[in-house]
Amino acid sequence: MKEKLQSLLGGFGMVLYYGLMLLIAILPLVMIDVPFWADAIILIAVNVFPPLSLPLWIWGLVKAIQGPQDAWAIIYYVAAVVVFLPTFISIIVGFFKKKD
């Protein structure tokens, strides 16, 4: 994706790519609304053990559903679908794939 954006938009594509990746990384932290020191600990834990991001996204989804339905909540819903839809599709396809 990074290469496609860079080839289409040049330097702006790179800035756009890294901006989107930063937004995806901090979006669950925006939704769960914990103090800054807890955000730092969570970011370190996710960088050390990446599978921790799944419970973080689920926690953020619960908080987004419970909270006010504003622009941040809508952005979170869209990002959650974009991030996890390919994973769910591959799992479902794996169920129906014929074993060799």
N, C-alpha and C. Protein backbone atom coordinates (compact mmCIF):
# COMPACT_ATOMS: atom_id res chain seq x y z
N MET A 1 0.82 -1.18 0.00
CA MET A 1 0.00 0.00 0.00
C MET A 1 0.86 1.25 0.00
N LYS A 2 1.96 1.19 0.76
CA LYS A 2 2.85 2.34 0.82
C LYS A 2 3.42 2.65 -0.55
N GLU A 3 3.81 1.61 -1.27
CA GLU A 3 4.40 1.82 -2.60
C GLU A 3 3.37 2.38 -3.58
N LYS A 4 2.12 1.91 -3.48
CA LYS A 4 1.07 2.42 -4.37
C LYS A 4 0.81 3.89 -4.11
N LEU A 5 0.72 4.28 -2.84
CA LEU A 5 0.50 5.69 -2.53
C LEU A 5 1.68 6.54 -2.97
N GLN A 6 2.89 6.02 -2.80
CA GLN A 6 4.06 6.77 -3.19
C GLN A 6 4.13 6.92 -4.70
N SER A 7 3.79 5.88 -5.44
CA SER A 7 3.84 5.98 -6.89
C SER A 7 2.76 6.92 -7.43
N LEU A 8 1.60 6.93 -6.78
CA LEU A 8 0.51 7.79 -7.24
C LEU A 8 0.67 9.25 -6.82
N LEU A 9 1.07 9.46 -5.56
CA LEU A 9 1.08 10.81 -5.00
C LEU A 9 2.46 11.34 -4.63
N GLY A 10 3.49 10.55 -4.82
CA GLY A 10 4.84 11.00 -4.52
C GLY A 10 5.07 11.14 -3.02
N GLY A 11 5.72 12.23 -2.65
CA GLY A 11 6.04 12.48 -1.24
C GLY A 11 4.79 12.64 -0.38
N PHE A 12 3.75 13.24 -0.93
CA PHE A 12 2.50 13.39 -0.19
C PHE A 12 1.89 12.03 0.13
N GLY A 13 2.06 11.07 -0.76
CA GLY A 13 1.56 9.72 -0.52
C GLY A 13 2.25 9.08 0.68
N MET A 14 3.54 9.32 0.82
CA MET A 14 4.27 8.78 1.98
C MET A 14 3.77 9.42 3.27
N VAL A 15 3.58 10.73 3.24
CA VAL A 15 3.07 11.43 4.43
C VAL A 15 1.67 10.92 4.76
N LEU A 16 0.84 10.73 3.75
CA LEU A 16 -0.51 10.22 3.95
C LEU A 16 -0.48 8.81 4.54
N TYR A 17 0.39 7.96 4.03
CA TYR A 17 0.50 6.59 4.53
C TYR A 17 0.90 6.57 6.01
N TYR A 18 1.96 7.31 6.35
CA TYR A 18 2.40 7.31 7.74
C TYR A 18 1.40 7.99 8.66
N GLY A 19 0.68 8.97 8.17
CA GLY A 19 -0.38 9.59 8.96
C GLY A 19 -1.50 8.61 9.26
N LEU A 20 -1.90 7.84 8.25
CA LEU A 20 -2.94 6.82 8.46
C LEU A 20 -2.47 5.74 9.42
N MET A 21 -1.22 5.31 9.31
CA MET A 21 -0.70 4.29 10.21
C MET A 21 -0.65 4.81 11.66
N LEU A 22 -0.30 6.07 11.83
CA LEU A 22 -0.28 6.67 13.17
C LEU A 22 -1.69 6.75 13.73
N LEU A 23 -2.65 7.14 12.90
CA LEU A 23 -4.05 7.22 13.33
C LEU A 23 -4.56 5.84 13.75
N ILE A 24 -4.24 4.82 12.97
CA ILE A 24 -4.68 3.46 13.30
C ILE A 24 -4.03 2.98 14.60
N ALA A 25 -2.80 3.40 14.85
CA ALA A 25 -2.10 2.96 16.06
C ALA A 25 -2.67 3.62 17.31
N ILE A 26 -3.06 4.89 17.23
CA ILE A 26 -3.51 5.58 18.44
C ILE A 26 -5.02 5.64 18.59
N LEU A 27 -5.77 5.25 17.58
CA LEU A 27 -7.23 5.34 17.64
C LEU A 27 -7.83 4.56 18.81
N PRO A 28 -7.40 3.33 19.10
CA PRO A 28 -7.97 2.66 20.29
C PRO A 28 -7.67 3.41 21.58
N LEU A 29 -6.51 4.05 21.66
CA LEU A 29 -6.15 4.79 22.86
C LEU A 29 -7.02 6.03 23.03
N VAL A 30 -7.42 6.63 21.92
CA VAL A 30 -8.32 7.78 21.97
C VAL A 30 -9.68 7.33 22.50
N MET A 31 -10.13 6.19 22.07
CA MET A 31 -11.46 5.70 22.47
C MET A 31 -11.51 5.27 23.93
N ILE A 32 -10.46 4.59 24.43
CA ILE A 32 -10.54 4.08 25.79
C ILE A 32 -10.31 5.18 26.83
N ASP A 33 -9.69 6.27 26.44
CA ASP A 33 -9.57 7.46 27.28
C ASP A 33 -8.98 7.16 28.66
N VAL A 34 -7.73 6.72 28.66
CA VAL A 34 -7.00 6.50 29.91
C VAL A 34 -5.94 7.60 30.03
N PRO A 35 -5.34 7.76 31.22
CA PRO A 35 -4.30 8.79 31.37
C PRO A 35 -3.10 8.54 30.45
N PHE A 36 -2.31 9.58 30.26
CA PHE A 36 -1.17 9.50 29.34
C PHE A 36 -0.18 8.42 29.74
N TRP A 37 0.08 8.28 31.04
CA TRP A 37 1.05 7.27 31.47
C TRP A 37 0.55 5.87 31.13
N ALA A 38 -0.76 5.64 31.21
CA ALA A 38 -1.31 4.34 30.84
C ALA A 38 -1.23 4.13 29.32
N ASP A 39 -1.45 5.21 28.56
CA ASP A 39 -1.28 5.13 27.11
C ASP A 39 0.14 4.70 26.75
N ALA A 40 1.12 5.27 27.43
CA ALA A 40 2.52 4.94 27.16
C ALA A 40 2.80 3.48 27.47
N ILE A 41 2.27 2.99 28.59
CA ILE A 41 2.49 1.59 28.96
C ILE A 41 1.81 0.66 27.96
N ILE A 42 0.61 1.02 27.53
CA ILE A 42 -0.11 0.20 26.56
C ILE A 42 0.64 0.17 25.23
N LEU A 43 1.15 1.32 24.77
CA LEU A 43 1.90 1.35 23.51
C LEU A 43 3.16 0.50 23.58
N ILE A 44 3.85 0.55 24.71
CA ILE A 44 5.05 -0.28 24.87
C ILE A 44 4.67 -1.76 24.87
N ALA A 45 3.60 -2.11 25.57
CA ALA A 45 3.17 -3.51 25.63
C ALA A 45 2.77 -4.02 24.25
N VAL A 46 2.07 -3.20 23.47
CA VAL A 46 1.65 -3.62 22.13
C VAL A 46 2.85 -3.76 21.20
N ASN A 47 3.85 -2.89 21.36
CA ASN A 47 5.05 -3.01 20.54
C ASN A 47 5.87 -4.24 20.90
N VAL A 48 5.86 -4.64 22.16
CA VAL A 48 6.59 -5.82 22.58
C VAL A 48 5.84 -7.09 22.19
N PHE A 49 4.51 -7.07 22.35
CA PHE A 49 3.67 -8.24 22.06
C PHE A 49 2.48 -7.79 21.22
N PRO A 50 2.63 -7.75 19.89
CA PRO A 50 1.58 -7.21 18.99
C PRO A 50 0.19 -7.84 19.10
N PRO A 51 0.04 -9.12 19.43
CA PRO A 51 -1.33 -9.64 19.55
C PRO A 51 -2.19 -8.94 20.62
N LEU A 52 -1.57 -8.16 21.50
CA LEU A 52 -2.34 -7.41 22.48
C LEU A 52 -3.20 -6.32 21.84
N SER A 53 -2.93 -6.02 20.57
CA SER A 53 -3.72 -4.98 19.92
C SER A 53 -5.16 -5.42 19.69
N LEU A 54 -5.41 -6.72 19.53
CA LEU A 54 -6.79 -7.19 19.32
C LEU A 54 -7.68 -6.88 20.52
N PRO A 55 -7.30 -7.24 21.76
CA PRO A 55 -8.16 -6.85 22.89
C PRO A 55 -8.27 -5.34 23.04
N LEU A 56 -7.23 -4.63 22.67
CA LEU A 56 -7.27 -3.17 22.74
C LEU A 56 -8.30 -2.60 21.77
N TRP A 57 -8.35 -3.15 20.55
CA TRP A 57 -9.35 -2.72 19.57
C TRP A 57 -10.75 -3.08 20.02
N ILE A 58 -10.92 -4.24 20.63
CA ILE A 58 -12.24 -4.65 21.12
C ILE A 58 -12.68 -3.74 22.27
N TRP A 59 -11.76 -3.45 23.18
CA TRP A 59 -12.05 -2.55 24.30
C TRP A 59 -12.44 -1.17 23.76
N GLY A 60 -11.70 -0.70 22.77
CA GLY A 60 -12.03 0.59 22.15
C GLY A 60 -13.38 0.56 21.46
N LEU A 61 -13.73 -0.56 20.84
CA LEU A 61 -15.03 -0.68 20.19
C LEU A 61 -16.17 -0.62 21.20
N VAL A 62 -15.99 -1.29 22.33
CA VAL A 62 -17.00 -1.25 23.39
C VAL A 62 -17.16 0.18 23.90
N LYS A 63 -16.04 0.87 24.12
CA LYS A 63 -16.11 2.25 24.60
C LYS A 63 -16.71 3.18 23.55
N ALA A 64 -16.45 2.92 22.27
CA ALA A 64 -17.01 3.75 21.21
C ALA A 64 -18.52 3.56 21.13
N ILE A 65 -18.99 2.33 21.31
CA ILE A 65 -20.43 2.06 21.28
C ILE A 65 -21.12 2.70 22.49
N GLN A 66 -20.48 2.65 23.66
CA GLN A 66 -21.06 3.21 24.87
C GLN A 66 -21.01 4.73 24.90
N GLY A 67 -20.04 5.31 24.22
CA GLY A 67 -19.84 6.75 24.29
C GLY A 67 -20.71 7.51 23.31
N PRO A 68 -20.46 8.81 23.20
CA PRO A 68 -21.23 9.62 22.25
C PRO A 68 -20.87 9.23 20.82
N GLN A 69 -21.86 9.25 19.96
CA GLN A 69 -21.65 8.87 18.57
C GLN A 69 -21.25 10.11 17.78
N ASP A 70 -19.98 10.46 17.88
CA ASP A 70 -19.45 11.64 17.21
C ASP A 70 -18.55 11.21 16.05
N ALA A 71 -17.81 12.16 15.51
CA ALA A 71 -16.94 11.87 14.37
C ALA A 71 -15.86 10.84 14.73
N TRP A 72 -15.31 10.91 15.95
CA TRP A 72 -14.28 9.94 16.35
C TRP A 72 -14.83 8.53 16.39
N ALA A 73 -16.07 8.37 16.84
CA ALA A 73 -16.68 7.04 16.89
C ALA A 73 -16.88 6.49 15.48
N ILE A 74 -17.33 7.33 14.56
CA ILE A 74 -17.52 6.90 13.18
C ILE A 74 -16.19 6.52 12.54
N ILE A 75 -15.16 7.33 12.78
CA ILE A 75 -13.82 7.01 12.26
C ILE A 75 -13.34 5.69 12.84
N TYR A 76 -13.64 5.46 14.13
CA TYR A 76 -13.23 4.21 14.76
C TYR A 76 -13.93 3.02 14.14
N TYR A 77 -15.22 3.13 13.89
CA TYR A 77 -15.96 2.03 13.27
C TYR A 77 -15.39 1.69 11.90
N VAL A 78 -15.13 2.71 11.09
CA VAL A 78 -14.60 2.49 9.75
C VAL A 78 -13.21 1.86 9.83
N ALA A 79 -12.36 2.38 10.73
CA ALA A 79 -11.01 1.84 10.87
C ALA A 79 -11.04 0.39 11.36
N ALA A 80 -11.94 0.07 12.27
CA ALA A 80 -12.04 -1.30 12.77
C ALA A 80 -12.43 -2.26 11.65
N VAL A 81 -13.34 -1.84 10.81
CA VAL A 81 -13.74 -2.69 9.67
C VAL A 81 -12.57 -2.86 8.71
N VAL A 82 -11.88 -1.78 8.40
CA VAL A 82 -10.76 -1.84 7.44
C VAL A 82 -9.62 -2.69 7.99
N VAL A 83 -9.37 -2.60 9.28
CA VAL A 83 -8.26 -3.34 9.88
C VAL A 83 -8.59 -4.83 10.00
N PHE A 84 -9.82 -5.17 10.42
CA PHE A 84 -10.12 -6.55 10.75
C PHE A 84 -10.89 -7.31 9.68
N LEU A 85 -11.47 -6.66 8.70
CA LEU A 85 -12.23 -7.36 7.66
C LEU A 85 -11.37 -8.36 6.88
N PRO A 86 -10.15 -8.01 6.46
CA PRO A 86 -9.33 -9.03 5.75
C PRO A 86 -9.04 -10.26 6.61
N THR A 87 -8.86 -10.07 7.91
CA THR A 87 -8.61 -11.20 8.80
C THR A 87 -9.84 -12.10 8.88
N PHE A 88 -11.00 -11.50 9.06
CA PHE A 88 -12.22 -12.29 9.15
C PHE A 88 -12.52 -13.02 7.85
N ILE A 89 -12.28 -12.38 6.72
CA ILE A 89 -12.52 -13.02 5.42
C ILE A 89 -11.60 -14.22 5.25
N SER A 90 -10.32 -14.07 5.63
CA SER A 90 -9.40 -15.20 5.48
C SER A 90 -9.77 -16.35 6.41
N ILE A 91 -10.30 -16.05 7.58
CA ILE A 91 -10.74 -17.11 8.49
C ILE A 91 -11.94 -17.85 7.91
N ILE A 92 -12.91 -17.11 7.39
CA ILE A 92 -14.10 -17.73 6.81
C ILE A 92 -13.74 -18.55 5.57
N VAL A 93 -12.86 -18.03 4.73
CA VAL A 93 -12.43 -18.78 3.55
C VAL A 93 -11.69 -20.05 3.98
N GLY A 94 -10.93 -19.97 5.05
CA GLY A 94 -10.22 -21.15 5.55
C GLY A 94 -11.16 -22.25 6.00
N PHE A 95 -12.34 -21.88 6.52
CA PHE A 95 -13.31 -22.89 6.92
C PHE A 95 -13.85 -23.67 5.74
N PHE A 96 -14.02 -23.01 4.61
CA PHE A 96 -14.61 -23.64 3.44
C PHE A 96 -13.59 -24.16 2.44
N LYS A 97 -12.31 -23.92 2.69
CA LYS A 97 -11.28 -24.36 1.79
C LYS A 97 -11.11 -25.88 1.89
N LYS A 98 -11.00 -26.50 0.73
CA LYS A 98 -10.85 -27.95 0.69
C LYS A 98 -9.44 -28.34 1.12
N LYS A 99 -9.37 -29.29 2.02
CA LYS A 99 -8.08 -29.81 2.48
C LYS A 99 -7.48 -30.69 1.41
N ASP A 100 -6.17 -30.59 1.20
CA ASP A 100 -5.49 -31.41 0.20
C ASP A 100 -5.13 -32.77 0.74
